[in-house]
N, C-alpha and C. Protein backbone atom coordinates (compact mmCIF):
# COMPACT_ATOMS: atom_id res chain seq x y z
N UNK A 1 49.71 16.98 3.64
CA UNK A 1 49.43 17.97 2.55
C UNK A 1 48.08 17.37 1.88
N UNK A 2 48.36 15.65 1.67
CA UNK A 2 47.23 14.93 1.23
C UNK A 2 45.96 15.07 2.20
N UNK A 3 45.91 15.00 3.43
CA UNK A 3 44.84 15.24 4.19
C UNK A 3 44.30 16.63 4.26
N UNK A 4 45.10 17.44 3.82
CA UNK A 4 44.35 18.92 3.85
C UNK A 4 43.56 19.23 2.47
N UNK A 5 44.28 18.29 1.55
CA UNK A 5 43.43 18.31 0.36
C UNK A 5 42.30 17.87 0.54
N UNK A 6 42.22 16.12 1.15
CA UNK A 6 40.86 15.59 1.46
C UNK A 6 39.73 16.53 2.38
N UNK A 7 40.43 16.81 3.46
CA UNK A 7 39.45 17.93 3.72
C UNK A 7 38.83 18.98 3.38
N UNK A 8 39.77 19.98 2.39
CA UNK A 8 39.48 21.01 1.34
C UNK A 8 38.15 20.16 0.37
N UNK A 9 38.57 19.06 -0.16
CA UNK A 9 37.34 18.45 -1.24
C UNK A 9 35.87 18.25 -0.18
N UNK A 10 36.30 17.47 0.96
CA UNK A 10 34.92 17.31 1.52
C UNK A 10 34.18 18.46 1.74
N UNK A 11 34.83 19.74 3.00
CA UNK A 11 34.31 20.84 2.74
C UNK A 11 33.47 21.37 1.50
N UNK A 12 34.25 21.49 0.61
CA UNK A 12 33.79 21.94 -0.73
C UNK A 12 32.51 20.84 -1.27
N UNK A 13 32.72 19.98 -1.11
CA UNK A 13 31.04 18.95 -1.31
C UNK A 13 30.26 19.05 -0.62
N UNK A 14 30.40 19.27 0.62
CA UNK A 14 29.48 19.70 1.71
C UNK A 14 28.56 20.91 1.47
N UNK A 15 29.60 21.89 0.78
CA UNK A 15 28.50 23.42 0.88
C UNK A 15 28.58 23.20 -0.61
N UNK A 16 28.79 22.19 -1.74
CA UNK A 16 27.95 22.29 -2.60
C UNK A 16 26.55 21.57 -2.72
N UNK A 17 26.63 20.40 -1.85
CA UNK A 17 24.89 19.82 -1.77
C UNK A 17 24.59 20.64 -1.00
N UNK A 18 24.89 21.42 0.17
CA UNK A 18 23.96 22.19 0.97
C UNK A 18 23.42 23.37 0.35
N UNK A 19 23.95 24.03 -0.79
CA UNK A 19 23.58 24.77 -1.31
C UNK A 19 22.81 24.42 -2.65
N UNK A 20 22.96 23.15 -2.70
CA UNK A 20 21.69 22.70 -3.96
C UNK A 20 20.62 22.49 -3.56
N UNK A 21 20.47 22.12 -2.16
CA UNK A 21 18.86 21.92 -1.74
C UNK A 21 17.93 23.02 -2.29
N UNK A 22 16.80 22.66 -2.47
CA UNK A 22 15.94 23.29 -3.10
C UNK A 22 14.96 24.27 -1.99
N UNK A 23 15.22 25.44 -2.21
CA UNK A 23 14.59 26.17 -1.08
C UNK A 23 12.71 26.26 -1.76
N UNK A 24 12.16 26.94 -0.07
CA UNK A 24 10.75 27.00 -0.56
C UNK A 24 10.08 27.23 -1.83
N UNK A 25 10.61 28.38 -2.56
CA UNK A 25 10.19 29.20 -3.58
C UNK A 25 10.20 28.08 -4.71
N UNK A 26 11.12 27.58 -4.89
CA UNK A 26 11.67 26.47 -5.84
C UNK A 26 10.76 25.26 -5.85
N UNK A 27 10.27 24.62 -4.37
CA UNK A 27 9.50 23.84 -3.83
C UNK A 27 8.43 24.20 -4.82
N UNK A 28 7.82 25.18 -4.43
CA UNK A 28 6.46 25.79 -4.62
C UNK A 28 6.26 25.78 -5.88
N UNK A 29 7.31 26.09 -6.79
CA UNK A 29 6.87 26.39 -8.34
C UNK A 29 6.75 24.97 -8.87
N UNK A 30 7.31 24.03 -8.08
CA UNK A 30 7.20 22.71 -8.44
C UNK A 30 5.52 22.56 -8.10
N UNK A 31 5.12 22.77 -7.19
CA UNK A 31 3.76 21.90 -6.77
C UNK A 31 2.78 22.80 -7.53
N UNK A 32 2.94 24.15 -7.67
CA UNK A 32 2.40 24.73 -8.47
C UNK A 32 2.48 24.87 -10.04
N UNK A 33 3.29 23.97 -10.53
CA UNK A 33 2.90 23.44 -12.34
C UNK A 33 2.52 22.29 -12.01
N UNK A 34 2.01 21.44 -11.13
CA UNK A 34 1.64 20.29 -11.00
C UNK A 34 0.44 20.44 -10.91
N UNK A 35 -0.01 21.53 -9.83
CA UNK A 35 -1.38 22.25 -9.75
C UNK A 35 -2.05 22.05 -11.18
N UNK A 36 -1.34 23.08 -11.72
CA UNK A 36 -1.91 23.64 -13.45
C UNK A 36 -2.40 22.52 -14.04
N UNK A 37 -1.04 21.70 -14.38
CA UNK A 37 -1.61 20.37 -15.07
C UNK A 37 -2.48 19.73 -14.45
N UNK A 38 -2.85 19.43 -13.55
CA UNK A 38 -3.75 18.70 -12.79
C UNK A 38 -5.25 19.39 -13.41
N UNK A 39 -5.19 20.83 -13.40
CA UNK A 39 -6.63 21.74 -13.23
C UNK A 39 -6.92 21.72 -14.80
N UNK A 40 -5.48 21.80 -15.82
CA UNK A 40 -5.72 21.68 -17.19
C UNK A 40 -6.45 20.02 -17.79
N UNK A 41 -6.00 19.00 -16.76
CA UNK A 41 -6.83 17.81 -17.45
C UNK A 41 -8.00 17.91 -16.91
N UNK A 42 -8.47 18.42 -15.87
CA UNK A 42 -10.16 18.35 -15.60
C UNK A 42 -10.78 19.33 -16.51
N UNK A 43 -10.27 20.61 -16.87
CA UNK A 43 -10.97 21.23 -17.92
C UNK A 43 -11.05 20.75 -19.06
N UNK A 44 -10.15 19.97 -19.58
CA UNK A 44 -10.22 19.74 -20.98
C UNK A 44 -11.21 18.18 -20.77
N UNK A 45 -11.44 17.36 -19.64
CA UNK A 45 -12.09 16.64 -19.54
C UNK A 45 -13.80 17.10 -19.17
N UNK A 46 -13.62 18.51 -19.20
CA UNK A 46 -15.39 18.68 -19.01
C UNK A 46 -15.69 19.69 -18.11
N UNK A 47 -14.91 19.20 -16.86
CA UNK A 47 -15.37 19.87 -15.50
C UNK A 47 -15.33 21.32 -15.82
N UNK A 48 -16.01 22.06 -14.55
CA UNK A 48 -16.05 23.35 -14.48
C UNK A 48 -15.69 23.82 -13.34
N UNK A 49 -15.60 25.10 -13.33
CA UNK A 49 -15.13 26.07 -11.92
C UNK A 49 -13.84 25.08 -11.43
N UNK A 50 -12.91 24.72 -12.02
CA UNK A 50 -11.92 24.04 -11.69
C UNK A 50 -10.85 24.96 -10.63
N UNK A 51 -10.73 24.68 -9.45
CA UNK A 51 -9.64 25.33 -8.95
C UNK A 51 -9.18 24.58 -7.85
N UNK A 52 -7.76 25.28 -7.52
CA UNK A 52 -6.93 24.12 -6.27
C UNK A 52 -6.45 25.19 -5.50
N UNK A 53 -5.82 24.56 -4.26
CA UNK A 53 -4.84 24.80 -3.56
C UNK A 53 -4.20 24.01 -2.75
N UNK A 54 -2.73 24.74 -2.14
CA UNK A 54 -1.95 23.33 -1.79
C UNK A 54 -1.31 23.68 -0.51
N UNK A 55 -1.13 23.02 0.31
CA UNK A 55 -0.11 23.25 1.31
C UNK A 55 0.98 22.33 2.19
N UNK A 56 1.80 22.59 2.53
CA UNK A 56 3.20 22.00 2.78
C UNK A 56 2.74 20.59 4.00
N UNK A 57 2.99 19.71 4.02
CA UNK A 57 2.73 19.09 4.80
C UNK A 57 3.82 18.42 5.86
N UNK A 58 3.35 18.03 7.22
CA UNK A 58 3.89 17.88 8.36
C UNK A 58 3.39 16.72 9.11
N UNK A 59 4.21 15.99 9.72
CA UNK A 59 3.80 14.62 10.48
C UNK A 59 2.40 14.85 11.15
N UNK A 60 2.01 16.42 11.64
CA UNK A 60 0.92 16.42 12.57
C UNK A 60 -0.21 16.66 11.58
N UNK A 61 0.03 17.55 10.66
CA UNK A 61 -1.20 17.75 9.29
C UNK A 61 -1.40 16.81 8.80
N UNK A 62 -0.24 15.78 8.27
CA UNK A 62 -0.66 14.61 7.70
C UNK A 62 -1.60 13.66 8.46
N UNK A 63 -1.27 13.29 10.01
CA UNK A 63 -2.20 12.56 10.68
C UNK A 63 -3.29 13.20 10.69
N UNK A 64 -3.46 14.40 10.96
CA UNK A 64 -4.77 14.97 11.20
C UNK A 64 -5.66 15.01 9.75
N UNK A 65 -4.53 14.99 8.68
CA UNK A 65 -5.49 14.54 7.21
C UNK A 65 -5.83 13.79 7.29
N UNK A 66 -5.37 12.33 7.93
CA UNK A 66 -5.87 10.90 7.79
C UNK A 66 -7.26 11.00 8.69
N UNK A 67 -7.25 11.84 9.79
CA UNK A 67 -8.34 11.40 10.44
C UNK A 67 -9.98 11.54 9.73
N UNK A 68 -9.78 12.10 8.66
CA UNK A 68 -11.26 12.45 8.27
C UNK A 68 -11.72 11.01 7.16
N UNK A 69 -12.92 11.58 6.90
CA UNK A 69 -13.28 10.18 5.98
C UNK A 69 -13.25 10.67 4.35
N UNK A 70 -12.88 9.67 3.59
CA UNK A 70 -12.77 10.13 2.40
C UNK A 70 -13.68 9.09 1.55
N UNK A 71 -14.27 9.46 0.23
CA UNK A 71 -14.72 8.78 -0.71
C UNK A 71 -13.81 7.82 -1.23
N UNK A 72 -12.47 7.65 -1.31
CA UNK A 72 -11.61 6.91 -1.84
C UNK A 72 -10.39 7.03 -0.53
N UNK A 73 -10.15 6.07 0.01
CA UNK A 73 -8.97 5.73 1.07
C UNK A 73 -7.40 5.70 0.09
N UNK A 74 -6.80 6.29 0.98
CA UNK A 74 -5.19 5.82 0.53
C UNK A 74 -4.79 4.88 0.80
N UNK A 75 -4.07 4.30 0.15
CA UNK A 75 -3.66 2.93 0.30
C UNK A 75 -2.31 2.86 1.61
N UNK A 76 -2.50 1.76 2.02
CA UNK A 76 -1.32 2.15 2.99
C UNK A 76 -0.02 1.95 2.49
N UNK A 77 0.38 1.62 1.69
CA UNK A 77 1.79 2.11 0.82
C UNK A 77 1.66 3.25 0.55
N UNK A 78 0.66 3.70 0.41
CA UNK A 78 0.78 5.33 -0.15
C UNK A 78 0.91 6.32 1.09
N UNK A 79 0.46 5.64 2.51
CA UNK A 79 0.35 6.10 3.23
C UNK A 79 1.75 6.16 4.06
N UNK A 80 2.80 5.16 3.81
CA UNK A 80 4.10 4.79 4.13
C UNK A 80 4.95 5.58 3.34
N UNK A 81 4.45 5.76 2.24
CA UNK A 81 5.48 6.57 1.56
C UNK A 81 5.52 7.99 1.59
N UNK A 82 4.22 8.66 2.01
CA UNK A 82 4.07 10.24 2.50
C UNK A 82 4.93 10.05 3.63
N UNK A 83 4.64 9.15 5.04
CA UNK A 83 5.20 9.16 6.33
C UNK A 83 6.74 9.18 6.06
N UNK A 84 7.52 8.47 5.05
CA UNK A 84 8.82 8.02 4.91
C UNK A 84 9.51 9.53 4.66
N UNK A 85 8.85 9.92 3.79
CA UNK A 85 9.23 11.56 3.04
C UNK A 85 9.09 12.51 4.20
N UNK A 86 8.28 12.20 4.96
CA UNK A 86 8.22 13.60 6.09
C UNK A 86 9.02 13.30 7.29
N UNK A 87 9.59 11.82 7.40
CA UNK A 87 10.49 11.57 8.43
C UNK A 87 11.76 11.96 7.57
N UNK A 88 12.26 12.23 6.54
CA UNK A 88 13.36 12.52 5.86
C UNK A 88 14.08 14.17 5.71
N UNK A 89 15.19 14.29 6.14
CA UNK A 89 15.49 15.64 5.97
C UNK A 89 15.31 16.19 4.59
N UNK A 90 15.85 15.35 3.65
CA UNK A 90 16.12 15.79 2.25
C UNK A 90 14.75 15.85 1.33
N UNK A 91 13.67 15.54 2.01
CA UNK A 91 12.24 15.39 1.05
C UNK A 91 11.01 16.49 1.95
N UNK A 92 10.37 16.80 0.77
CA UNK A 92 9.32 17.45 1.27
C UNK A 92 8.09 17.00 0.94
N UNK A 93 7.32 16.93 1.74
CA UNK A 93 5.70 16.28 0.90
C UNK A 93 4.61 17.93 0.93
N UNK A 94 3.81 17.92 -0.29
CA UNK A 94 2.76 18.83 -0.27
C UNK A 94 1.34 18.14 -0.52
N UNK A 95 0.34 18.91 -0.15
CA UNK A 95 -0.83 18.12 -0.77
C UNK A 95 -1.50 19.52 -1.54
N UNK A 96 -2.04 19.09 -2.68
CA UNK A 96 -2.49 19.67 -3.81
C UNK A 96 -4.50 19.30 -3.62
N UNK A 97 -4.95 20.31 -3.11
CA UNK A 97 -6.37 20.26 -3.00
C UNK A 97 -7.15 20.65 -4.55
N UNK A 98 -7.80 19.81 -5.13
CA UNK A 98 -8.50 20.40 -6.20
C UNK A 98 -9.90 20.43 -6.44
N UNK A 99 -10.77 21.33 -6.16
CA UNK A 99 -11.94 21.45 -6.24
C UNK A 99 -12.83 21.47 -7.89
N UNK A 100 -13.87 20.66 -8.34
CA UNK A 100 -14.37 21.07 -9.33
C UNK A 100 -15.83 20.50 -9.46
N UNK A 101 -16.45 21.12 -10.34
CA UNK A 101 -18.14 20.44 -10.75
C UNK A 101 -18.12 20.20 -12.18
N UNK A 102 -19.06 18.98 -12.35
CA UNK A 102 -18.99 18.12 -13.50
C UNK A 102 -20.71 17.97 -13.51
N UNK A 103 -21.24 18.14 -14.34
CA UNK A 103 -22.70 17.71 -14.54
C UNK A 103 -23.47 17.99 -13.36
N UNK A 104 -23.51 19.50 -12.66
CA UNK A 104 -24.09 20.02 -11.22
C UNK A 104 -23.43 18.96 -10.04
N UNK A 105 -22.42 17.99 -10.19
CA UNK A 105 -21.84 17.46 -8.82
C UNK A 105 -20.81 18.13 -8.89
N UNK A 106 -20.16 18.07 -7.29
CA UNK A 106 -19.17 18.53 -7.10
C UNK A 106 -18.28 17.49 -6.39
N UNK A 107 -16.73 17.79 -6.47
CA UNK A 107 -16.01 16.95 -6.23
C UNK A 107 -14.58 17.50 -5.68
N UNK A 108 -13.82 17.04 -4.80
CA UNK A 108 -12.64 17.66 -4.44
C UNK A 108 -11.55 16.10 -4.53
N UNK A 109 -10.23 16.34 -4.98
CA UNK A 109 -9.67 15.32 -5.19
C UNK A 109 -8.35 15.67 -4.35
N UNK A 110 -7.38 15.29 -3.96
CA UNK A 110 -6.12 15.31 -3.38
C UNK A 110 -4.78 14.85 -4.31
N UNK A 111 -3.94 15.26 -4.46
CA UNK A 111 -2.38 14.86 -5.20
C UNK A 111 -1.60 15.21 -4.20
N UNK A 112 -0.80 14.15 -3.94
CA UNK A 112 0.68 14.46 -2.77
C UNK A 112 1.74 14.40 -3.69
N UNK A 113 2.05 15.74 -3.70
CA UNK A 113 3.80 15.70 -4.43
C UNK A 113 4.97 15.46 -3.23
N UNK A 114 6.00 14.64 -3.34
CA UNK A 114 6.72 14.38 -2.79
C UNK A 114 7.66 14.71 -3.65
N UNK A 115 8.82 15.83 -2.97
CA UNK A 115 10.03 16.25 -3.70
C UNK A 115 11.35 15.57 -2.84
N UNK A 116 12.25 15.15 -3.68
CA UNK A 116 13.48 15.11 -3.12
C UNK A 116 14.36 16.54 -3.03
N UNK A 117 14.84 17.20 -2.16
CA UNK A 117 15.34 18.72 -1.83
C UNK A 117 16.68 18.63 -2.33
N UNK A 118 17.32 17.31 -2.51
CA UNK A 118 18.91 17.39 -3.24
C UNK A 118 18.80 17.35 -4.90
N UNK A 119 18.03 16.63 -5.49
CA UNK A 119 17.81 16.45 -6.61
C UNK A 119 16.93 17.23 -7.58
N UNK A 120 15.53 17.53 -6.92
CA UNK A 120 14.67 18.26 -7.44
C UNK A 120 13.69 17.34 -8.12
N UNK A 121 13.76 16.21 -8.13
CA UNK A 121 12.82 14.81 -8.73
C UNK A 121 11.95 15.04 -7.65
N UNK A 122 10.67 15.14 -8.04
CA UNK A 122 9.14 14.29 -7.47
C UNK A 122 8.59 13.39 -7.93
N UNK A 123 7.63 13.09 -7.02
CA UNK A 123 6.56 12.12 -7.44
C UNK A 123 5.12 12.68 -7.16
N UNK A 124 4.28 12.56 -7.89
CA UNK A 124 3.22 13.15 -7.82
C UNK A 124 2.08 12.03 -8.20
N UNK A 125 2.51 11.19 -7.93
CA UNK A 125 1.34 9.54 -8.25
C UNK A 125 0.60 9.10 -7.48
N UNK A 126 0.59 9.94 -6.24
CA UNK A 126 -0.34 9.48 -5.06
C UNK A 126 -1.69 10.71 -5.29
N UNK A 127 -2.79 9.90 -5.51
CA UNK A 127 -4.17 10.83 -5.74
C UNK A 127 -5.28 9.93 -5.38
N UNK A 128 -6.30 10.76 -4.64
CA UNK A 128 -7.63 10.11 -4.33
C UNK A 128 -8.17 11.01 -4.39
N UNK A 129 -9.68 10.55 -4.10
CA UNK A 129 -10.84 11.54 -3.84
C UNK A 129 -11.40 11.29 -2.81
N UNK A 130 -11.19 12.79 -2.55
CA UNK A 130 -11.54 12.91 -1.12
C UNK A 130 -13.29 13.19 -1.08
N UNK A 131 -13.83 13.86 -1.78
CA UNK A 131 -15.29 14.05 -1.63
C UNK A 131 -15.91 14.25 -2.85
N UNK A 132 -16.99 13.41 -3.41
CA UNK A 132 -18.33 13.55 -4.38
C UNK A 132 -19.53 13.65 -4.21
N UNK A 133 -20.34 14.49 -4.78
CA UNK A 133 -21.54 14.47 -4.84
C UNK A 133 -22.51 14.67 -6.29
């Protein structure tokens, strides 16, 4: 009887954790919120024509992303943090691209969002300047 109860408890816990994982819509809601916060910051700082878009990263899309030339490169530790997320089943990585103008100049910045799919906690601290003129 004790074994049956233990198996039932394990099965129930597995079901709860499996159903607790964030779905695609919930992930995109988090990323959209962060993009909105980033745009609002730029608007308040005087930037104009601020817009953004985002995409979910995969190992191959992130490798392609890194093949480009940037105004400000990502640190090796930041690259490793994103790669670690991409290698883990319970983590999703997104790239928010933010375009803006300031005093007749143009710039593009990237914000990387790493989401723990089990807890819903996220990290949006990895940012860098992609292009500016």
